[in-house]
Amino acid sequence: MRGEAADKAKGQGITGVDGKHMQIGEVAARTELSLRTIRHYEETGLVTPSARSQGGFRLYTETDVARLMVIRRMKPLGFTLDQMRDLLDATDRLDATDRLDADAALGAEEREALLERVRAYQREAAEQVEKLRVQLSRAEDFEGTLRARLEQDAHTARG
């Protein structure tokens, strides 16, 4: 990059030579994850920075950010780190095949097995979402009960 393009990339926090990499701070801001959490996910093997700068800083791509967003969405649904790793492995392998990567070619049975793993996670996610809806409904009912009580007390105090 030269001139205006380099200045633009620098202003956006893009630090990679090709303008496609972000430092961990920008990734944290975009994913709403803490630096510590991102580093933890790296230590546990869920995400690996795509590159390192000459100074040793972690550099991430849009693909890395997308991976972190999957993790972020799985966490509140109660998935374990192992389950996250398993789902990411399955989707990574399917994505490699979809890109027609000759080395990653899958047989029909293996592809179907990977798809079934993804389907199982989708079903489990749907179950967890339904449980959360029930919890939210109960919480809203509770908040409404408290609000009604306060409104009743306010009305009684005026009357």
Protein backbone atom coordinates (compact mmCIF):
# COMPACT_ATOMS: atom_id res chain seq x y z
CA MET A 1 0.00 0.00 0.00
CA ARG A 2 1.16 3.47 -0.70
CA GLY A 3 0.04 7.02 -0.10
CA GLU A 4 -3.69 7.49 0.47
CA ALA A 5 -4.49 3.79 0.71
CA ALA A 6 -1.87 3.24 3.42
CA ASP A 7 -3.07 6.30 5.34
CA LYS A 8 -6.67 5.10 5.09
CA ALA A 9 -5.76 1.63 6.35
CA LYS A 10 -3.71 3.09 9.18
CA GLY A 11 -6.62 5.31 10.20
CA GLN A 12 -8.90 2.28 10.36
CA GLY A 13 -6.52 0.35 12.59
CA ILE A 14 -5.60 -2.09 9.84
CA THR A 15 -2.01 -3.06 10.36
CA GLY A 16 -1.33 -5.85 7.90
CA VAL A 17 0.86 -5.27 4.90
CA ASP A 18 -2.06 -6.11 2.64
CA GLY A 19 -4.63 -4.08 4.58
CA LYS A 20 -6.59 -7.22 5.47
CA HIS A 21 -5.30 -7.75 9.00
CA MET A 22 -6.47 -6.24 12.29
CA GLN A 23 -4.79 -6.08 15.64
CA ILE A 24 -6.43 -7.66 18.66
CA GLY A 25 -7.82 -4.35 19.96
CA GLU A 26 -9.86 -3.78 16.81
CA VAL A 27 -11.04 -7.39 16.86
CA ALA A 28 -12.09 -6.99 20.49
CA ALA A 29 -14.07 -3.86 19.64
CA ARG A 30 -15.77 -5.50 16.66
CA THR A 31 -16.67 -8.72 18.50
CA GLU A 32 -17.42 -7.10 21.87
CA LEU A 33 -15.09 -9.63 23.47
CA SER A 34 -12.34 -8.66 25.89
CA LEU A 35 -8.67 -8.97 24.96
CA ARG A 36 -8.36 -11.54 27.73
CA THR A 37 -11.23 -13.62 26.30
CA ILE A 38 -9.76 -13.57 22.80
CA ARG A 39 -6.38 -14.64 24.17
CA HIS A 40 -8.10 -17.41 26.16
CA TYR A 41 -9.80 -18.68 23.01
CA GLU A 42 -6.39 -18.66 21.32
CA GLU A 43 -4.83 -20.62 24.21
CA THR A 44 -7.61 -23.21 24.04
CA GLY A 45 -7.23 -23.58 20.27
CA LEU A 46 -10.60 -22.13 19.26
CA VAL A 47 -9.10 -19.33 17.21
CA THR A 48 -5.59 -18.71 15.96
CA PRO A 49 -4.41 -15.35 14.69
CA SER A 50 -3.83 -15.58 10.96
CA ALA A 51 -0.50 -13.80 11.25
CA ARG A 52 1.88 -11.95 13.51
CA SER A 53 3.35 -8.53 12.88
CA GLN A 54 7.10 -8.04 12.79
CA GLY A 55 6.78 -6.85 16.38
CA GLY A 56 4.95 -10.05 17.37
CA PHE A 57 1.45 -8.59 17.60
CA ARG A 58 -1.46 -10.89 16.80
CA LEU A 59 -3.04 -10.12 13.44
CA TYR A 60 -6.54 -11.28 12.54
CA THR A 61 -8.59 -11.45 9.34
CA GLU A 62 -12.32 -11.19 8.68
CA THR A 63 -12.41 -15.01 8.79
CA ASP A 64 -10.95 -14.93 12.31
CA VAL A 65 -13.53 -12.34 13.36
CA ALA A 66 -16.33 -14.50 11.93
CA ARG A 67 -14.99 -17.47 13.90
CA LEU A 68 -14.96 -15.43 17.11
CA MET A 69 -18.55 -14.35 16.43
CA VAL A 70 -19.61 -18.01 16.19
CA ILE A 71 -17.94 -18.65 19.55
CA ARG A 72 -19.56 -15.55 21.05
CA ARG A 73 -22.99 -16.70 19.89
CA MET A 74 -22.51 -20.25 21.22
CA LYS A 75 -21.38 -19.22 24.70
CA PRO A 76 -24.70 -17.88 26.05
CA LEU A 77 -26.42 -21.02 24.77
CA GLY A 78 -24.31 -23.10 27.15
CA PHE A 79 -22.04 -24.83 24.65
CA THR A 80 -18.74 -26.05 26.06
CA LEU A 81 -15.35 -25.19 24.60
CA ASP A 82 -15.10 -28.75 23.27
CA GLN A 83 -18.48 -28.41 21.55
CA MET A 84 -17.42 -25.08 20.06
CA ARG A 85 -14.20 -26.67 18.81
CA ASP A 86 -16.13 -29.61 17.33
CA LEU A 87 -18.61 -27.39 15.49
CA LEU A 88 -15.86 -25.10 14.19
CA ASP A 89 -13.91 -28.15 12.99
CA ALA A 90 -16.95 -29.47 11.12
CA THR A 91 -17.73 -26.13 9.50
CA ASP A 92 -14.07 -25.53 8.64
CA ARG A 93 -13.91 -28.87 6.86
CA LEU A 94 -17.17 -28.21 5.02
CA ASP A 95 -15.98 -24.71 4.02
CA ALA A 96 -12.71 -26.10 2.70
CA THR A 97 -14.65 -28.53 0.52
CA ASP A 98 -17.01 -25.79 -0.65
CA ARG A 99 -13.96 -23.78 -1.82
CA LEU A 100 -13.04 -26.80 -3.95
CA ASP A 101 -9.79 -27.27 -2.09
CA ALA A 102 -8.46 -30.45 -3.72
CA ASP A 103 -6.69 -31.53 -0.54
CA ALA A 104 -9.88 -31.22 1.48
CA ALA A 105 -12.16 -33.18 -0.85
CA LEU A 106 -14.65 -35.20 1.17
CA GLY A 107 -16.47 -38.34 0.24
CA ALA A 108 -20.27 -38.27 0.32
CA GLU A 109 -20.41 -40.19 3.61
CA GLU A 110 -17.89 -37.96 5.36
CA ARG A 111 -19.65 -34.82 4.11
CA GLU A 112 -23.01 -36.13 5.33
CA ALA A 113 -21.49 -36.99 8.73
CA LEU A 114 -20.16 -33.42 9.03
CA LEU A 115 -23.53 -32.00 8.02
CA GLU A 116 -25.23 -34.17 10.64
CA ARG A 117 -22.86 -32.80 13.31
CA VAL A 118 -23.84 -29.27 12.28
CA ARG A 119 -27.54 -30.23 12.29
CA ALA A 120 -27.18 -31.62 15.82
CA TYR A 121 -25.70 -28.32 17.01
CA GLN A 122 -28.50 -26.42 15.25
CA ARG A 123 -31.10 -28.56 17.05
CA GLU A 124 -29.38 -28.05 20.39
CA ALA A 125 -29.17 -24.30 19.76
CA ALA A 126 -32.90 -24.21 18.94
CA GLU A 127 -33.66 -26.05 22.21
CA GLN A 128 -31.54 -23.61 24.20
CA VAL A 129 -33.16 -20.62 22.50
CA GLU A 130 -36.59 -21.94 23.48
CA LYS A 131 -35.46 -22.38 27.09
CA LEU A 132 -34.14 -18.81 27.07
CA ARG A 133 -37.48 -17.56 25.69
CA VAL A 134 -39.28 -19.22 28.59
CA GLN A 135 -36.82 -17.68 31.07
CA LEU A 136 -37.22 -14.27 29.45
CA SER A 137 -41.01 -14.55 29.60
CA ARG A 138 -40.82 -15.40 33.30
CA ALA A 139 -38.44 -12.51 33.92
CA GLU A 140 -40.76 -10.11 32.07
CA ASP A 141 -43.71 -11.38 34.13
CA PHE A 142 -41.72 -10.81 37.32
CA GLU A 143 -40.71 -7.30 36.27
CA GLY A 144 -44.34 -6.55 35.38
CA THR A 145 -45.50 -7.79 38.78
CA LEU A 146 -43.00 -5.50 40.53
CA ARG A 147 -43.99 -2.54 38.32
CA ALA A 148 -47.69 -3.13 39.06
CA ARG A 149 -46.95 -3.31 42.77
CA LEU A 150 -45.05 -0.02 42.68
CA GLU A 151 -47.81 1.65 40.63
CA GLN A 152 -50.41 0.39 43.10
CA ASP A 153 -48.40 1.69 46.05
CA ALA A 154 -47.90 5.05 44.33
CA HIS A 155 -51.63 5.31 43.64
CA THR A 156 -52.51 4.38 47.24
CA ALA A 157 -50.04 6.95 48.61
CA ARG A 158 -51.70 9.70 46.52
CA GLY A 159 -55.23 8.72 47.41
